[in-house]
Amino acid sequence: MTTGYLFNNFNLYLFLSLFLLCCGILGIVYRRTLIAMLISVELIMNGAGLNFVAINRFLYPDKVNGQVFTLFIMGIAAAETAIALAIVILIFRRYKKIEADTLKEMKD
């Protein structure tokens, strides 16, 4: 197998995208800290972006729709990360820990 074939394999990109999505979902379910959950959401968004770019590259090579959607996903991910980190800092200042279980105590 040559390296040219490896980079031109559509199924490889879809599998990698699915792997990132599954890792992100498992990270959200099993992780307890807010930072780990934030990283898991980023993995999900990166998987979606990779999926858009792969579909655009292999199915519609003359259009740029996949790249435009991926740029929007990257912008949304950056804004989401900034807002989520600000919220995590505020939670840490108040409760001195960042486990997700402390969010249940925020009723007061």
PDB file of N, CA and C in Angstrom:
ATOM      1  N   MET A   1       0.855  -1.171   0.000  1.00  0.00           N
ATOM      2  CA  MET A   1       0.000   0.000   0.000  1.00  0.00           C
ATOM      3  C   MET A   1       0.901   1.234   0.000  1.00  0.00           C
ATOM      4  N   THR A   2       0.635   2.129  -0.887  1.00  0.00           N
ATOM      5  CA  THR A   2       1.433   3.352  -0.965  1.00  0.00           C
ATOM      6  C   THR A   2       0.788   4.441  -0.129  1.00  0.00           C
ATOM      7  N   THR A   3       1.549   5.469   0.179  1.00  0.00           N
ATOM      8  CA  THR A   3       1.004   6.564   0.982  1.00  0.00           C
ATOM      9  C   THR A   3      -0.020   7.378   0.219  1.00  0.00           C
ATOM     10  N   GLY A   4       0.062   7.422  -1.099  1.00  0.00           N
ATOM     11  CA  GLY A   4      -0.933   8.150  -1.882  1.00  0.00           C
ATOM     12  C   GLY A   4      -2.323   7.542  -1.720  1.00  0.00           C
ATOM     13  N   TYR A   5      -2.377   6.215  -1.629  1.00  0.00           N
ATOM     14  CA  TYR A   5      -3.659   5.548  -1.441  1.00  0.00           C
ATOM     15  C   TYR A   5      -4.221   5.825  -0.052  1.00  0.00           C
ATOM     16  N   LEU A   6      -3.350   5.929   0.926  1.00  0.00           N
ATOM     17  CA  LEU A   6      -3.798   6.138   2.300  1.00  0.00           C
ATOM     18  C   LEU A   6      -4.494   7.487   2.450  1.00  0.00           C
ATOM     19  N   PHE A   7      -3.979   8.510   1.800  1.00  0.00           N
ATOM     20  CA  PHE A   7      -4.568   9.834   1.928  1.00  0.00           C
ATOM     21  C   PHE A   7      -5.780  10.024   1.021  1.00  0.00           C
ATOM     22  N   ASN A   8      -6.008   9.114   0.091  1.00  0.00           N
ATOM     23  CA  ASN A   8      -7.159   9.212  -0.803  1.00  0.00           C
ATOM     24  C   ASN A   8      -8.238   8.199  -0.461  1.00  0.00           C
ATOM     25  N   ASN A   9      -8.272   7.728   0.767  1.00  0.00           N
ATOM     26  CA  ASN A   9      -9.246   6.735   1.183  1.00  0.00           C
ATOM     27  C   ASN A   9     -10.370   7.435   1.957  1.00  0.00           C
ATOM     28  N   PHE A  10     -11.535   7.499   1.353  1.00  0.00           N
ATOM     29  CA  PHE A  10     -12.681   8.205   1.946  1.00  0.00           C
ATOM     30  C   PHE A  10     -13.137   7.537   3.235  1.00  0.00           C
ATOM     31  N   ASN A  11     -13.122   6.209   3.259  1.00  0.00           N
ATOM     32  CA  ASN A  11     -13.572   5.481   4.447  1.00  0.00           C
ATOM     33  C   ASN A  11     -12.682   5.739   5.657  1.00  0.00           C
ATOM     34  N   LEU A  12     -11.401   5.964   5.420  1.00  0.00           N
ATOM     35  CA  LEU A  12     -10.484   6.262   6.519  1.00  0.00           C
ATOM     36  C   LEU A  12     -10.870   7.567   7.212  1.00  0.00           C
ATOM     37  N   TYR A  13     -11.203   8.572   6.447  1.00  0.00           N
ATOM     38  CA  TYR A  13     -11.604   9.854   7.027  1.00  0.00           C
ATOM     39  C   TYR A  13     -12.938   9.741   7.772  1.00  0.00           C
ATOM     40  N   LEU A  14     -13.857   8.984   7.208  1.00  0.00           N
ATOM     41  CA  LEU A  14     -15.136   8.796   7.892  1.00  0.00           C
ATOM     42  C   LEU A  14     -14.969   8.000   9.178  1.00  0.00           C
ATOM     43  N   PHE A  15     -14.081   6.989   9.151  1.00  0.00           N
ATOM     44  CA  PHE A  15     -13.818   6.220  10.365  1.00  0.00           C
ATOM     45  C   PHE A  15     -13.162   7.088  11.434  1.00  0.00           C
ATOM     46  N   LEU A  16     -12.213   7.926  11.034  1.00  0.00           N
ATOM     47  CA  LEU A  16     -11.559   8.815  11.992  1.00  0.00           C
ATOM     48  C   LEU A  16     -12.553   9.825  12.563  1.00  0.00           C
ATOM     49  N   SER A  17     -13.447  10.312  11.739  1.00  0.00           N
ATOM     50  CA  SER A  17     -14.488  11.221  12.203  1.00  0.00           C
ATOM     51  C   SER A  17     -15.417  10.534  13.194  1.00  0.00           C
ATOM     52  N   LEU A  18     -15.807   9.313  12.909  1.00  0.00           N
ATOM     53  CA  LEU A  18     -16.649   8.542  13.818  1.00  0.00           C
ATOM     54  C   LEU A  18     -15.918   8.239  15.123  1.00  0.00           C
ATOM     55  N   PHE A  19     -14.618   7.952  15.037  1.00  0.00           N
ATOM     56  CA  PHE A  19     -13.817   7.697  16.230  1.00  0.00           C
ATOM     57  C   PHE A  19     -13.758   8.933  17.129  1.00  0.00           C
ATOM     58  N   LEU A  20     -13.561  10.103  16.538  1.00  0.00           N
ATOM     59  CA  LEU A  20     -13.546  11.344  17.323  1.00  0.00           C
ATOM     60  C   LEU A  20     -14.905  11.600  17.966  1.00  0.00           C
ATOM     61  N   LEU A  21     -15.971  11.344  17.233  1.00  0.00           N
ATOM     62  CA  LEU A  21     -17.313  11.523  17.778  1.00  0.00           C
ATOM     63  C   LEU A  21     -17.556  10.589  18.951  1.00  0.00           C
ATOM     64  N   CYS A  22     -17.188   9.326  18.810  1.00  0.00           N
ATOM     65  CA  CYS A  22     -17.391   8.359  19.896  1.00  0.00           C
ATOM     66  C   CYS A  22     -16.530   8.682  21.113  1.00  0.00           C
ATOM     67  N   CYS A  23     -15.292   9.093  20.885  1.00  0.00           N
ATOM     68  CA  CYS A  23     -14.434   9.487  22.014  1.00  0.00           C
ATOM     69  C   CYS A  23     -15.011  10.684  22.741  1.00  0.00           C
ATOM     70  N   GLY A  24     -15.561  11.632  21.999  1.00  0.00           N
ATOM     71  CA  GLY A  24     -16.176  12.798  22.623  1.00  0.00           C
ATOM     72  C   GLY A  24     -17.403  12.442  23.434  1.00  0.00           C
ATOM     73  N   ILE A  25     -18.243  11.578  22.899  1.00  0.00           N
ATOM     74  CA  ILE A  25     -19.448  11.180  23.632  1.00  0.00           C
ATOM     75  C   ILE A  25     -19.088  10.392  24.886  1.00  0.00           C
ATOM     76  N   LEU A  26     -18.139   9.474  24.765  1.00  0.00           N
ATOM     77  CA  LEU A  26     -17.700   8.726  25.944  1.00  0.00           C
ATOM     78  C   LEU A  26     -17.047   9.640  26.976  1.00  0.00           C
ATOM     79  N   GLY A  27     -16.332  10.641  26.516  1.00  0.00           N
ATOM     80  CA  GLY A  27     -15.720  11.593  27.441  1.00  0.00           C
ATOM     81  C   GLY A  27     -16.742  12.401  28.207  1.00  0.00           C
ATOM     82  N   ILE A  28     -17.814  12.794  27.541  1.00  0.00           N
ATOM     83  CA  ILE A  28     -18.875  13.541  28.233  1.00  0.00           C
ATOM     84  C   ILE A  28     -19.572  12.661  29.254  1.00  0.00           C
ATOM     85  N   VAL A  29     -19.802  11.401  28.899  1.00  0.00           N
ATOM     86  CA  VAL A  29     -20.526  10.505  29.790  1.00  0.00           C
ATOM     87  C   VAL A  29     -19.695  10.102  31.005  1.00  0.00           C
ATOM     88  N   TYR A  30     -18.408   9.798  30.794  1.00  0.00           N
ATOM     89  CA  TYR A  30     -17.616   9.228  31.876  1.00  0.00           C
ATOM     90  C   TYR A  30     -16.754  10.220  32.646  1.00  0.00           C
ATOM     91  N   ARG A  31     -16.480  11.373  32.122  1.00  0.00           N
ATOM     92  CA  ARG A  31     -15.634  12.335  32.831  1.00  0.00           C
ATOM     93  C   ARG A  31     -16.455  13.156  33.803  1.00  0.00           C
ATOM     94  N   ARG A  32     -15.843  13.549  34.906  1.00  0.00           N
ATOM     95  CA  ARG A  32     -16.548  14.311  35.932  1.00  0.00           C
ATOM     96  C   ARG A  32     -16.116  15.763  36.010  1.00  0.00           C
ATOM     97  N   THR A  33     -14.917  16.079  35.525  1.00  0.00           N
ATOM     98  CA  THR A  33     -14.490  17.470  35.601  1.00  0.00           C
ATOM     99  C   THR A  33     -15.002  18.245  34.396  1.00  0.00           C
ATOM    100  N   LEU A  34     -15.224  19.510  34.601  1.00  0.00           N
ATOM    101  CA  LEU A  34     -15.783  20.340  33.540  1.00  0.00           C
ATOM    102  C   LEU A  34     -14.790  20.557  32.400  1.00  0.00           C
ATOM    103  N   ILE A  35     -13.511  20.612  32.714  1.00  0.00           N
ATOM    104  CA  ILE A  35     -12.503  20.784  31.666  1.00  0.00           C
ATOM    105  C   ILE A  35     -12.470  19.569  30.748  1.00  0.00           C
ATOM    106  N   ALA A  36     -12.558  18.378  31.308  1.00  0.00           N
ATOM    107  CA  ALA A  36     -12.570  17.162  30.486  1.00  0.00           C
ATOM    108  C   ALA A  36     -13.831  17.110  29.623  1.00  0.00           C
ATOM    109  N   MET A  37     -14.944  17.565  30.151  1.00  0.00           N
ATOM    110  CA  MET A  37     -16.175  17.614  29.354  1.00  0.00           C
ATOM    111  C   MET A  37     -16.050  18.626  28.218  1.00  0.00           C
ATOM    112  N   LEU A  38     -15.377  19.728  28.482  1.00  0.00           N
ATOM    113  CA  LEU A  38     -15.161  20.733  27.449  1.00  0.00           C
ATOM    114  C   LEU A  38     -14.271  20.182  26.335  1.00  0.00           C
ATOM    115  N   ILE A  39     -13.244  19.445  26.694  1.00  0.00           N
ATOM    116  CA  ILE A  39     -12.381  18.815  25.693  1.00  0.00           C
ATOM    117  C   ILE A  39     -13.172  17.787  24.888  1.00  0.00           C
ATOM    118  N   SER A  40     -14.082  17.090  25.531  1.00  0.00           N
ATOM    119  CA  SER A  40     -14.903  16.107  24.826  1.00  0.00           C
ATOM    120  C   SER A  40     -15.836  16.772  23.824  1.00  0.00           C
ATOM    121  N   VAL A  41     -16.385  17.905  24.170  1.00  0.00           N
ATOM    122  CA  VAL A  41     -17.231  18.639  23.219  1.00  0.00           C
ATOM    123  C   VAL A  41     -16.392  19.106  22.034  1.00  0.00           C
ATOM    124  N   GLU A  42     -15.165  19.514  22.286  1.00  0.00           N
ATOM    125  CA  GLU A  42     -14.272  19.908  21.203  1.00  0.00           C
ATOM    126  C   GLU A  42     -13.968  18.726  20.284  1.00  0.00           C
ATOM    127  N   LEU A  43     -13.805  17.537  20.851  1.00  0.00           N
ATOM    128  CA  LEU A  43     -13.590  16.351  20.021  1.00  0.00           C
ATOM    129  C   LEU A  43     -14.790  16.081  19.111  1.00  0.00           C
ATOM    130  N   ILE A  44     -15.987  16.268  19.642  1.00  0.00           N
ATOM    131  CA  ILE A  44     -17.194  16.067  18.833  1.00  0.00           C
ATOM    132  C   ILE A  44     -17.235  17.074  17.686  1.00  0.00           C
ATOM    133  N   MET A  45     -16.920  18.318  17.982  1.00  0.00           N
ATOM    134  CA  MET A  45     -16.936  19.342  16.923  1.00  0.00           C
ATOM    135  C   MET A  45     -15.842  19.099  15.889  1.00  0.00           C
ATOM    136  N   ASN A  46     -14.672  18.633  16.321  1.00  0.00           N
ATOM    137  CA  ASN A  46     -13.607  18.316  15.370  1.00  0.00           C
ATOM    138  C   ASN A  46     -13.994  17.134  14.483  1.00  0.00           C
ATOM    139  N   GLY A  47     -14.688  16.160  15.049  1.00  0.00           N
ATOM    140  CA  GLY A  47     -15.169  15.048  14.241  1.00  0.00           C
ATOM    141  C   GLY A  47     -16.169  15.490  13.194  1.00  0.00           C
ATOM    142  N   ALA A  48     -17.048  16.400  13.567  1.00  0.00           N
ATOM    143  CA  ALA A  48     -18.021  16.918  12.593  1.00  0.00           C
ATOM    144  C   ALA A  48     -17.324  17.725  11.502  1.00  0.00           C
ATOM    145  N   GLY A  49     -16.347  18.525  11.888  1.00  0.00           N
ATOM    146  CA  GLY A  49     -15.603  19.301  10.895  1.00  0.00           C
ATOM    147  C   GLY A  49     -14.836  18.415   9.932  1.00  0.00           C
ATOM    148  N   LEU A  50     -14.207  17.370  10.450  1.00  0.00           N
ATOM    149  CA  LEU A  50     -13.489  16.435   9.590  1.00  0.00           C
ATOM    150  C   LEU A  50     -14.446  15.733   8.635  1.00  0.00           C
ATOM    151  N   ASN A  51     -15.630  15.416   9.112  1.00  0.00           N
ATOM    152  CA  ASN A  51     -16.636  14.779   8.264  1.00  0.00           C
ATOM    153  C   ASN A  51     -17.053  15.701   7.123  1.00  0.00           C
ATOM    154  N   PHE A  52     -17.292  16.986   7.419  1.00  0.00           N
ATOM    155  CA  PHE A  52     -17.663  17.938   6.371  1.00  0.00           C
ATOM    156  C   PHE A  52     -16.560  18.086   5.331  1.00  0.00           C
ATOM    157  N   VAL A  53     -15.323  18.185   5.782  1.00  0.00           N
ATOM    158  CA  VAL A  53     -14.215  18.357   4.844  1.00  0.00           C
ATOM    159  C   VAL A  53     -14.016  17.103   3.996  1.00  0.00           C
ATOM    160  N   ALA A  54     -14.135  15.919   4.600  1.00  0.00           N
ATOM    161  CA  ALA A  54     -13.958  14.678   3.839  1.00  0.00           C
ATOM    162  C   ALA A  54     -15.059  14.517   2.795  1.00  0.00           C
ATOM    163  N   ILE A  55     -16.287  14.799   3.176  1.00  0.00           N
ATOM    164  CA  ILE A  55     -17.382  14.686   2.204  1.00  0.00           C
ATOM    165  C   ILE A  55     -17.193  15.694   1.080  1.00  0.00           C
ATOM    166  N   ASN A  56     -16.768  16.902   1.422  1.00  0.00           N
ATOM    167  CA  ASN A  56     -16.531  17.901   0.389  1.00  0.00           C
ATOM    168  C   ASN A  56     -15.383  17.485  -0.533  1.00  0.00           C
ATOM    169  N   ARG A  57     -14.333  16.934   0.020  1.00  0.00           N
ATOM    170  CA  ARG A  57     -13.147  16.573  -0.776  1.00  0.00           C
ATOM    171  C   ARG A  57     -13.434  15.422  -1.739  1.00  0.00           C
ATOM    172  N   PHE A  58     -14.180  14.428  -1.279  1.00  0.00           N
ATOM    173  CA  PHE A  58     -14.351  13.229  -2.098  1.00  0.00           C
ATOM    174  C   PHE A  58     -15.629  13.233  -2.931  1.00  0.00           C
ATOM    175  N   LEU A  59     -16.683  13.870  -2.467  1.00  0.00           N
ATOM    176  CA  LEU A  59     -17.944  13.830  -3.215  1.00  0.00           C
ATOM    177  C   LEU A  59     -18.174  15.068  -4.068  1.00  0.00           C
ATOM    178  N   TYR A  60     -17.751  16.236  -3.574  1.00  0.00           N
ATOM    179  CA  TYR A  60     -17.953  17.490  -4.303  1.00  0.00           C
ATOM    180  C   TYR A  60     -16.641  18.277  -4.338  1.00  0.00           C
ATOM    181  N   PRO A  61     -15.656  17.827  -5.104  1.00  0.00           N
ATOM    182  CA  PRO A  61     -14.345  18.476  -5.046  1.00  0.00           C
ATOM    183  C   PRO A  61     -14.303  19.885  -5.629  1.00  0.00           C
ATOM    184  N   ASP A  62     -15.281  20.258  -6.453  1.00  0.00           N
ATOM    185  CA  ASP A  62     -15.237  21.584  -7.064  1.00  0.00           C
ATOM    186  C   ASP A  62     -15.959  22.652  -6.229  1.00  0.00           C
ATOM    187  N   LYS A  63     -16.610  22.264  -5.145  1.00  0.00           N
ATOM    188  CA  LYS A  63     -17.312  23.223  -4.288  1.00  0.00           C
ATOM    189  C   LYS A  63     -16.555  23.391  -2.970  1.00  0.00           C
ATOM    190  N   VAL A  64     -16.891  24.451  -2.235  1.00  0.00           N
ATOM    191  CA  VAL A  64     -16.213  24.715  -0.962  1.00  0.00           C
ATOM    192  C   VAL A  64     -17.191  24.719   0.209  1.00  0.00           C
ATOM    193  N   ASN A  65     -18.334  24.091   0.061  1.00  0.00           N
ATOM    194  CA  ASN A  65     -19.332  24.100   1.127  1.00  0.00           C
ATOM    195  C   ASN A  65     -18.830  23.437   2.407  1.00  0.00           C
ATOM    196  N   GLY A  66     -18.120  22.334   2.290  1.00  0.00           N
ATOM    197  CA  GLY A  66     -17.605  21.630   3.462  1.00  0.00           C
ATOM    198  C   GLY A  66     -16.607  22.470   4.236  1.00  0.00           C
ATOM    199  N   GLN A  67     -15.741  23.170   3.519  1.00  0.00           N
ATOM    200  CA  GLN A  67     -14.767  24.020   4.197  1.00  0.00           C
ATOM    201  C   GLN A  67     -15.436  25.206   4.885  1.00  0.00           C
ATOM    202  N   VAL A  68     -16.476  25.754   4.270  1.00  0.00           N
ATOM    203  CA  VAL A  68     -17.190  26.887   4.887  1.00  0.00           C
ATOM    204  C   VAL A  68     -17.888  26.429   6.163  1.00  0.00           C
ATOM    205  N   PHE A  69     -18.543  25.279   6.130  1.00  0.00           N
ATOM    206  CA  PHE A  69     -19.181  24.751   7.339  1.00  0.00           C
ATOM    207  C   PHE A  69     -18.152  24.473   8.430  1.00  0.00           C
ATOM    208  N   THR A  70     -16.997  23.957   8.025  1.00  0.00           N
ATOM    209  CA  THR A  70     -15.947  23.680   9.009  1.00  0.00           C
ATOM    210  C   THR A  70     -15.425  24.965   9.624  1.00  0.00           C
ATOM    211  N   LEU A  71     -15.300  26.027   8.862  1.00  0.00           N
ATOM    212  CA  LEU A  71     -14.887  27.311   9.437  1.00  0.00           C
ATOM    213  C   LEU A  71     -15.918  27.823  10.431  1.00  0.00           C
ATOM    214  N   PHE A  72     -17.197  27.657  10.131  1.00  0.00           N
ATOM    215  CA  PHE A  72     -18.232  28.040  11.095  1.00  0.00           C
ATOM    216  C   PHE A  72     -18.146  27.196  12.363  1.00  0.00           C
ATOM    217  N   ILE A  73     -17.904  25.906  12.205  1.00  0.00           N
ATOM    218  CA  ILE A  73     -17.761  25.031  13.371  1.00  0.00           C
ATOM    219  C   ILE A  73     -16.572  25.462  14.213  1.00  0.00           C
ATOM    220  N   MET A  74     -15.464  25.826  13.572  1.00  0.00           N
ATOM    221  CA  MET A  74     -14.284  26.269  14.317  1.00  0.00           C
ATOM    222  C   MET A  74     -14.557  27.573  15.060  1.00  0.00           C
ATOM    223  N   GLY A  75     -15.299  28.479  14.434  1.00  0.00           N
ATOM    224  CA  GLY A  75     -15.652  29.729  15.107  1.00  0.00           C
ATOM    225  C   GLY A  75     -16.571  29.501  16.289  1.00  0.00           C
ATOM    226  N   ILE A  76     -17.554  28.637  16.111  1.00  0.00           N
ATOM    227  CA  ILE A  76     -18.463  28.315  17.212  1.00  0.00           C
ATOM    228  C   ILE A  76     -17.709  27.614  18.336  1.00  0.00           C
ATOM    229  N   ALA A  77     -16.780  26.727  17.990  1.00  0.00           N
ATOM    230  CA  ALA A  77     -15.999  26.027  19.010  1.00  0.00           C
ATOM    231  C   ALA A  77     -15.119  26.993  19.799  1.00  0.00           C
ATOM    232  N   ALA A  78     -14.551  27.977  19.127  1.00  0.00           N
ATOM    233  CA  ALA A  78     -13.712  28.950  19.827  1.00  0.00           C
ATOM    234  C   ALA A  78     -14.547  29.797  20.781  1.00  0.00           C
ATOM    235  N   ALA A  79     -15.708  30.243  20.328  1.00  0.00           N
ATOM    236  CA  ALA A  79     -16.582  31.030  21.198  1.00  0.00           C
ATOM    237  C   ALA A  79     -17.096  30.189  22.358  1.00  0.00           C
ATOM    238  N   GLU A  80     -17.449  28.958  22.087  1.00  0.00           N
ATOM    239  CA  GLU A  80     -17.940  28.062  23.140  1.00  0.00           C
ATOM    240  C   GLU A  80     -16.855  27.793  24.172  1.00  0.00           C
ATOM    241  N   THR A  81     -15.628  27.638  23.723  1.00  0.00           N
ATOM    242  CA  THR A  81     -14.526  27.395  24.648  1.00  0.00           C
ATOM    243  C   THR A  81     -14.281  28.609  25.539  1.00  0.00           C
ATOM    244  N   ALA A  82     -14.308  29.790  24.978  1.00  0.00           N
ATOM    245  CA  ALA A  82     -14.078  31.005  25.771  1.00  0.00           C
ATOM    246  C   ALA A  82     -15.168  31.186  26.830  1.00  0.00           C
ATOM    247  N   ILE A  83     -16.402  30.998  26.449  1.00  0.00           N
ATOM    248  CA  ILE A  83     -17.510  31.157  27.398  1.00  0.00           C
ATOM    249  C   ILE A  83     -17.471  30.057  28.455  1.00  0.00           C
ATOM    250  N   ALA A  84     -17.214  28.820  28.037  1.00  0.00           N
ATOM    251  CA  ALA A  84     -17.186  27.714  28.994  1.00  0.00           C
ATOM    252  C   ALA A  84     -16.028  27.856  29.980  1.00  0.00           C
ATOM    253  N   LEU A  85     -14.873  28.305  29.527  1.00  0.00           N
ATOM    254  CA  LEU A  85     -13.756  28.505  30.448  1.00  0.00           C
ATOM    255  C   LEU A  85     -14.050  29.615  31.446  1.00  0.00           C
ATOM    256  N   ALA A  86     -14.729  30.664  31.000  1.00  0.00           N
ATOM    257  CA  ALA A  86     -15.120  31.726  31.939  1.00  0.00           C
ATOM    258  C   ALA A  86     -16.079  31.188  32.994  1.00  0.00           C
ATOM    259  N   ILE A  87     -17.021  30.353  32.586  1.00  0.00           N
ATOM    260  CA  ILE A  87     -17.954  29.758  33.545  1.00  0.00           C
ATOM    261  C   ILE A  87     -17.221  28.819  34.494  1.00  0.00           C
ATOM    262  N   VAL A  88     -16.272  28.038  33.990  1.00  0.00           N
ATOM    263  CA  VAL A  88     -15.511  27.127  34.838  1.00  0.00           C
ATOM    264  C   VAL A  88     -14.692  27.911  35.862  1.00  0.00           C
ATOM    265  N   ILE A  89     -14.109  29.020  35.455  1.00  0.00           N
ATOM    266  CA  ILE A  89     -13.344  29.848  36.402  1.00  0.00           C
ATOM    267  C   ILE A  89     -14.247  30.401  37.486  1.00  0.00           C
ATOM    268  N   LEU A  90     -15.443  30.845  37.117  1.00  0.00           N
ATOM    269  CA  LEU A  90     -16.383  31.348  38.129  1.00  0.00           C
ATOM    270  C   LEU A  90     -16.824  30.246  39.088  1.00  0.00           C
ATOM    271  N   ILE A  91     -17.065  29.057  38.569  1.00  0.00           N
ATOM    272  CA  ILE A  91     -17.444  27.935  39.437  1.00  0.00           C
ATOM    273  C   ILE A  91     -16.291  27.576  40.365  1.00  0.00           C
ATOM    274  N   PHE A  92     -15.061  27.594  39.855  1.00  0.00           N
ATOM    275  CA  PHE A  92     -13.915  27.271  40.701  1.00  0.00           C
ATOM    276  C   PHE A  92     -13.724  28.314  41.796  1.00  0.00           C
ATOM    277  N   ARG A  93     -13.921  29.571  41.472  1.00  0.00           N
ATOM    278  CA  ARG A  93     -13.769  30.614  42.490  1.00  0.00           C
ATOM    279  C   ARG A  93     -14.795  30.461  43.605  1.00  0.00           C
ATOM    280  N   ARG A  94     -15.977  29.992  43.271  1.00  0.00           N
ATOM    281  CA  ARG A  94     -17.015  29.882  44.289  1.00  0.00           C
ATOM    282  C   ARG A  94     -16.931  28.581  45.084  1.00  0.00           C
ATOM    283  N   TYR A  95     -16.713  27.458  44.418  1.00  0.00           N
ATOM    284  CA  TYR A  95     -16.774  26.144  45.068  1.00  0.00           C
ATOM    285  C   TYR A  95     -15.411  25.512  45.303  1.00  0.00           C
ATOM    286  N   LYS A  96     -14.333  26.068  44.755  1.00  0.00           N
ATOM    287  CA  LYS A  96     -12.969  25.560  44.905  1.00  0.00           C
ATOM    288  C   LYS A  96     -12.771  24.160  44.334  1.00  0.00           C
ATOM    289  N   LYS A  97     -13.634  23.740  43.440  1.00  0.00           N
ATOM    290  CA  LYS A  97     -13.477  22.488  42.702  1.00  0.00           C
ATOM    291  C   LYS A  97     -14.280  22.594  41.415  1.00  0.00           C
ATOM    292  N   ILE A  98     -13.933  21.747  40.437  1.00  0.00           N
ATOM    293  CA  ILE A  98     -14.594  21.865  39.130  1.00  0.00           C
ATOM    294  C   ILE A  98     -15.257  20.557  38.702  1.00  0.00           C
ATOM    295  N   GLU A  99     -15.634  19.724  39.649  1.00  0.00           N
ATOM    296  CA  GLU A  99     -16.360  18.511  39.292  1.00  0.00           C
ATOM    297  C   GLU A  99     -17.789  18.871  38.881  1.00  0.00           C
ATOM    298  N   ALA A 100     -18.350  18.066  38.009  1.00  0.00           N
ATOM    299  CA  ALA A 100     -19.701  18.340  37.518  1.00  0.00           C
ATOM    300  C   ALA A 100     -20.750  18.148  38.613  1.00  0.00           C
ATOM    301  N   ASP A 101     -20.425  17.382  39.653  1.00  0.00           N
ATOM    302  CA  ASP A 101     -21.378  17.174  40.742  1.00  0.00           C
ATOM    303  C   ASP A 101     -21.661  18.463  41.505  1.00  0.00           C
ATOM    304  N   THR A 102     -20.737  19.419  41.478  1.00  0.00           N
ATOM    305  CA  THR A 102     -20.966  20.694  42.181  1.00  0.00           C
ATOM    306  C   THR A 102     -22.046  21.518  41.505  1.00  0.00           C
ATOM    307  N   LEU A 103     -22.329  21.240  40.237  1.00  0.00           N
ATOM    308  CA  LEU A 103     -23.384  21.990  39.563  1.00  0.00           C
ATOM    309  C   LEU A 103     -24.746  21.688  40.152  1.00  0.00           C
ATOM    310  N   LYS A 104     -24.915  20.516  40.741  1.00  0.00           N
ATOM    311  CA  LYS A 104     -26.173  20.179  41.383  1.00  0.00           C
ATOM    312  C   LYS A 104     -26.397  21.008  42.630  1.00  0.00           C
ATOM    313  N   GLU A 105     -25.311  21.521  43.216  1.00  0.00           N
ATOM    314  CA  GLU A 105     -25.391  22.310  44.455  1.00  0.00           C
ATOM    315  C   GLU A 105     -25.622  23.791  44.193  1.00  0.00           C
ATOM    316  N   MET A 106     -25.705  24.218  42.952  1.00  0.00           N
ATOM    317  CA  MET A 106     -25.794  25.645  42.630  1.00  0.00           C
ATOM    318  C   MET A 106     -27.210  26.193  42.711  1.00  0.00           C
ATOM    319  N   LYS A 107     -28.077  25.562  43.437  1.00  0.00           N
ATOM    320  CA  LYS A 107     -29.466  26.006  43.520  1.00  0.00           C
ATOM    321  C   LYS A 107     -29.645  27.243  44.400  1.00  0.00           C
ATOM    322  N   ASP A 108     -28.706  27.529  45.278  1.00  0.00           N
ATOM    323  CA  ASP A 108     -28.843  28.696  46.165  1.00  0.00           C
ATOM    324  C   ASP A 108     -28.408  29.977  45.528  1.00  0.00           C
TER     325      ASP A 108
END
